[in-house]
Structure formats: C-alpha cells, structure tokens
Amino acid sequence: MDLGLYGDVGRIRKRYRPQIAVGAVMLTLTFVTLFVPIVYYITEQNVYERRLLSYFYYFVILYYCFSAVYVTRRYE
C-alpha cells in the first residue's frame, strides 16, 4: 500500500523493517510448528487445537491493519 501511495521502495525498506522482521518471525514459527506444535496442534482425531502462541498472530494482524489505516489517513 505504501508503495502505491508514495512510490518509493527506499521508504519501505527504511520505515517497515520492524514489520518485516515480525513477519519473518511469524513465518519461521509457522514452519517450526509443522515439526513441533508451538502455535497449533492437530490431534489424532483430526481436531485443530490452538496453543497460547497462536494469539500472537492475531495481535500482529491487528497491528498490520491499524498500520495500513494510519498510513492511508496520513497520506490523505
């Protein structure tokens, strides 16, 4: 969204480095969860169970949404 509004790749690299890092951590946790159930677990009865760390994903997604609204409002 920021690239569409401002058209500057350097701005994205500079301003969104923390968000990119958090996204990379989430991606890494997702891959690790395939082998060690830290975010979610699927039982033998094929039932999906969330672990405590799964709520971290919700907070990050909310942060990304509020950040997008903030960038759009600030641009206007």
N, C-alpha and C. Protein backbone atom coordinates (compact mmCIF):
# COMPACT_ATOMS: atom_id res chain seq x y z
N MET A 1 0.82 -1.18 0.00
CA MET A 1 0.00 0.00 0.00
C MET A 1 0.87 1.25 0.00
N ASP A 2 1.89 1.24 0.79
CA ASP A 2 2.77 2.40 0.88
C ASP A 2 3.45 2.67 -0.45
N LEU A 3 3.83 1.62 -1.15
CA LEU A 3 4.47 1.77 -2.45
C LEU A 3 3.49 2.39 -3.45
N GLY A 4 2.24 2.01 -3.39
CA GLY A 4 1.24 2.60 -4.27
C GLY A 4 0.97 4.06 -3.96
N LEU A 5 1.07 4.44 -2.70
CA LEU A 5 0.81 5.82 -2.32
C LEU A 5 2.02 6.72 -2.57
N TYR A 6 3.18 6.29 -2.12
CA TYR A 6 4.36 7.14 -2.18
C TYR A 6 5.29 6.80 -3.34
N GLY A 7 5.27 5.56 -3.81
CA GLY A 7 6.09 5.16 -4.94
C GLY A 7 7.58 5.13 -4.67
N ASP A 8 7.98 4.85 -3.44
CA ASP A 8 9.39 4.86 -3.07
C ASP A 8 9.75 3.56 -2.35
N VAL A 9 10.57 2.72 -2.99
CA VAL A 9 10.97 1.45 -2.39
C VAL A 9 11.89 1.68 -1.20
N GLY A 10 12.75 2.68 -1.27
CA GLY A 10 13.65 3.00 -0.16
C GLY A 10 12.89 3.35 1.10
N ARG A 11 11.78 4.03 0.96
CA ARG A 11 10.94 4.38 2.12
C ARG A 11 10.42 3.12 2.79
N ILE A 12 10.02 2.14 2.00
CA ILE A 12 9.51 0.88 2.55
C ILE A 12 10.60 0.16 3.32
N ARG A 13 11.77 0.07 2.73
CA ARG A 13 12.88 -0.62 3.41
C ARG A 13 13.25 0.07 4.71
N LYS A 14 13.19 1.38 4.75
CA LYS A 14 13.59 2.12 5.95
C LYS A 14 12.51 2.10 7.03
N ARG A 15 11.26 2.34 6.66
CA ARG A 15 10.21 2.52 7.65
C ARG A 15 9.58 1.21 8.12
N TYR A 16 9.64 0.17 7.31
CA TYR A 16 8.92 -1.05 7.64
C TYR A 16 9.83 -2.21 8.01
N ARG A 17 11.06 -1.94 8.33
CA ARG A 17 11.98 -3.00 8.74
C ARG A 17 11.46 -3.78 9.95
N PRO A 18 10.94 -3.14 11.00
CA PRO A 18 10.40 -3.92 12.13
C PRO A 18 9.22 -4.80 11.74
N GLN A 19 8.34 -4.30 10.87
CA GLN A 19 7.20 -5.10 10.45
C GLN A 19 7.64 -6.30 9.62
N ILE A 20 8.65 -6.10 8.80
CA ILE A 20 9.18 -7.20 8.00
C ILE A 20 9.82 -8.24 8.91
N ALA A 21 10.51 -7.80 9.94
CA ALA A 21 11.14 -8.72 10.88
C ALA A 21 10.09 -9.55 11.63
N VAL A 22 9.01 -8.90 12.06
CA VAL A 22 7.94 -9.62 12.76
C VAL A 22 7.28 -10.63 11.81
N GLY A 23 7.08 -10.25 10.57
CA GLY A 23 6.53 -11.18 9.58
C GLY A 23 7.43 -12.37 9.36
N ALA A 24 8.74 -12.14 9.33
CA ALA A 24 9.69 -13.24 9.17
C ALA A 24 9.65 -14.18 10.38
N VAL A 25 9.51 -13.62 11.57
CA VAL A 25 9.40 -14.45 12.77
C VAL A 25 8.13 -15.30 12.72
N MET A 26 7.03 -14.70 12.29
CA MET A 26 5.78 -15.45 12.18
C MET A 26 5.90 -16.58 11.15
N LEU A 27 6.54 -16.29 10.04
CA LEU A 27 6.74 -17.32 9.02
C LEU A 27 7.60 -18.46 9.54
N THR A 28 8.66 -18.10 10.27
CA THR A 28 9.54 -19.12 10.86
C THR A 28 8.78 -19.97 11.87
N LEU A 29 7.97 -19.33 12.72
CA LEU A 29 7.17 -20.08 13.70
C LEU A 29 6.19 -21.03 13.02
N THR A 30 5.65 -20.61 11.91
CA THR A 30 4.72 -21.47 11.18
C THR A 30 5.43 -22.72 10.66
N PHE A 31 6.62 -22.56 10.12
CA PHE A 31 7.37 -23.72 9.64
C PHE A 31 7.82 -24.62 10.79
N VAL A 32 8.23 -24.03 11.90
CA VAL A 32 8.65 -24.83 13.05
C VAL A 32 7.47 -25.62 13.61
N THR A 33 6.28 -25.03 13.54
CA THR A 33 5.09 -25.69 14.07
C THR A 33 4.76 -26.97 13.31
N LEU A 34 5.22 -27.10 12.09
CA LEU A 34 5.00 -28.34 11.35
C LEU A 34 5.67 -29.53 12.04
N PHE A 35 6.75 -29.25 12.78
CA PHE A 35 7.51 -30.31 13.43
C PHE A 35 7.33 -30.33 14.95
N VAL A 36 7.17 -29.15 15.55
CA VAL A 36 6.98 -29.01 16.99
C VAL A 36 5.72 -28.18 17.21
N PRO A 37 4.70 -28.70 17.87
CA PRO A 37 3.43 -27.97 17.99
C PRO A 37 3.51 -26.81 18.98
N ILE A 38 3.98 -25.66 18.52
CA ILE A 38 4.06 -24.50 19.41
C ILE A 38 2.98 -23.46 19.11
N VAL A 39 2.46 -23.42 17.90
CA VAL A 39 1.41 -22.46 17.56
C VAL A 39 0.05 -23.16 17.51
N TYR A 40 0.01 -24.34 16.91
CA TYR A 40 -1.21 -25.12 16.86
C TYR A 40 -0.86 -26.60 16.88
N TYR A 41 -1.87 -27.40 17.09
CA TYR A 41 -1.67 -28.85 17.16
C TYR A 41 -2.89 -29.52 16.54
N ILE A 42 -2.66 -30.55 15.76
CA ILE A 42 -3.75 -31.33 15.19
C ILE A 42 -3.70 -32.72 15.82
N THR A 43 -4.75 -33.09 16.50
CA THR A 43 -4.79 -34.36 17.23
C THR A 43 -4.96 -35.54 16.28
N GLU A 44 -4.91 -36.74 16.84
CA GLU A 44 -5.10 -37.95 16.06
C GLU A 44 -6.53 -38.04 15.51
N GLN A 45 -7.47 -37.37 16.18
CA GLN A 45 -8.86 -37.35 15.72
C GLN A 45 -9.09 -36.23 14.71
N ASN A 46 -8.01 -35.61 14.25
CA ASN A 46 -8.05 -34.53 13.26
C ASN A 46 -8.76 -33.28 13.79
N VAL A 47 -8.52 -32.97 15.06
CA VAL A 47 -9.08 -31.79 15.70
C VAL A 47 -7.97 -30.75 15.85
N TYR A 48 -8.27 -29.54 15.41
CA TYR A 48 -7.32 -28.43 15.47
C TYR A 48 -7.37 -27.79 16.84
N GLU A 49 -6.22 -27.65 17.49
CA GLU A 49 -6.14 -27.00 18.80
C GLU A 49 -5.13 -25.86 18.73
N ARG A 50 -5.55 -24.70 19.18
CA ARG A 50 -4.64 -23.56 19.23
C ARG A 50 -3.80 -23.63 20.49
N ARG A 51 -2.57 -23.20 20.36
CA ARG A 51 -1.69 -23.05 21.52
C ARG A 51 -1.68 -21.57 21.90
N LEU A 52 -1.06 -21.26 23.01
CA LEU A 52 -1.03 -19.89 23.51
C LEU A 52 -0.36 -18.93 22.52
N LEU A 53 0.65 -19.40 21.84
CA LEU A 53 1.39 -18.53 20.90
C LEU A 53 0.57 -18.14 19.68
N SER A 54 -0.52 -18.85 19.41
CA SER A 54 -1.34 -18.54 18.24
C SER A 54 -2.00 -17.17 18.36
N TYR A 55 -2.24 -16.71 19.58
CA TYR A 55 -2.86 -15.40 19.76
C TYR A 55 -1.91 -14.27 19.38
N PHE A 56 -0.63 -14.52 19.37
CA PHE A 56 0.35 -13.55 18.89
C PHE A 56 0.06 -13.18 17.44
N TYR A 57 -0.37 -14.14 16.63
CA TYR A 57 -0.70 -13.89 15.24
C TYR A 57 -1.85 -12.89 15.12
N TYR A 58 -2.85 -13.01 15.97
CA TYR A 58 -3.98 -12.08 15.93
C TYR A 58 -3.55 -10.66 16.25
N PHE A 59 -2.70 -10.50 17.24
CA PHE A 59 -2.22 -9.17 17.58
C PHE A 59 -1.40 -8.56 16.44
N VAL A 60 -0.59 -9.36 15.80
CA VAL A 60 0.22 -8.86 14.70
C VAL A 60 -0.66 -8.46 13.52
N ILE A 61 -1.66 -9.26 13.22
CA ILE A 61 -2.57 -8.93 12.11
C ILE A 61 -3.33 -7.65 12.41
N LEU A 62 -3.80 -7.48 13.64
CA LEU A 62 -4.45 -6.23 14.02
C LEU A 62 -3.51 -5.04 13.89
N TYR A 63 -2.27 -5.22 14.30
CA TYR A 63 -1.29 -4.15 14.17
C TYR A 63 -1.08 -3.78 12.70
N TYR A 64 -0.99 -4.78 11.83
CA TYR A 64 -0.83 -4.50 10.41
C TYR A 64 -2.04 -3.76 9.85
N CYS A 65 -3.24 -4.12 10.26
CA CYS A 65 -4.44 -3.44 9.79
C CYS A 65 -4.48 -1.99 10.25
N PHE A 66 -4.20 -1.76 11.53
CA PHE A 66 -4.19 -0.38 12.04
C PHE A 66 -3.07 0.43 11.38
N SER A 67 -1.96 -0.21 11.11
CA SER A 67 -0.86 0.48 10.45
C SER A 67 -1.25 0.90 9.04
N ALA A 68 -1.96 0.04 8.33
CA ALA A 68 -2.41 0.37 6.97
C ALA A 68 -3.39 1.54 6.99
N VAL A 69 -4.30 1.54 7.95
CA VAL A 69 -5.25 2.64 8.07
C VAL A 69 -4.50 3.93 8.40
N TYR A 70 -3.54 3.86 9.29
CA TYR A 70 -2.75 5.03 9.67
C TYR A 70 -1.99 5.62 8.47
N VAL A 71 -1.35 4.76 7.70
CA VAL A 71 -0.60 5.23 6.54
C VAL A 71 -1.53 5.89 5.53
N THR A 72 -2.69 5.29 5.32
CA THR A 72 -3.64 5.85 4.36
C THR A 72 -4.18 7.20 4.84
N ARG A 73 -4.52 7.29 6.09
CA ARG A 73 -5.04 8.56 6.64
C ARG A 73 -3.97 9.64 6.63
N ARG A 74 -2.75 9.26 6.94
CA ARG A 74 -1.67 10.24 6.95
C ARG A 74 -1.38 10.76 5.54
N TYR A 75 -1.49 9.88 4.55
CA TYR A 75 -1.27 10.30 3.18
C TYR A 75 -2.31 11.29 2.71
N GLU A 76 -3.55 11.07 3.15
CA GLU A 76 -4.64 11.97 2.75
C GLU A 76 -4.44 13.33 3.36
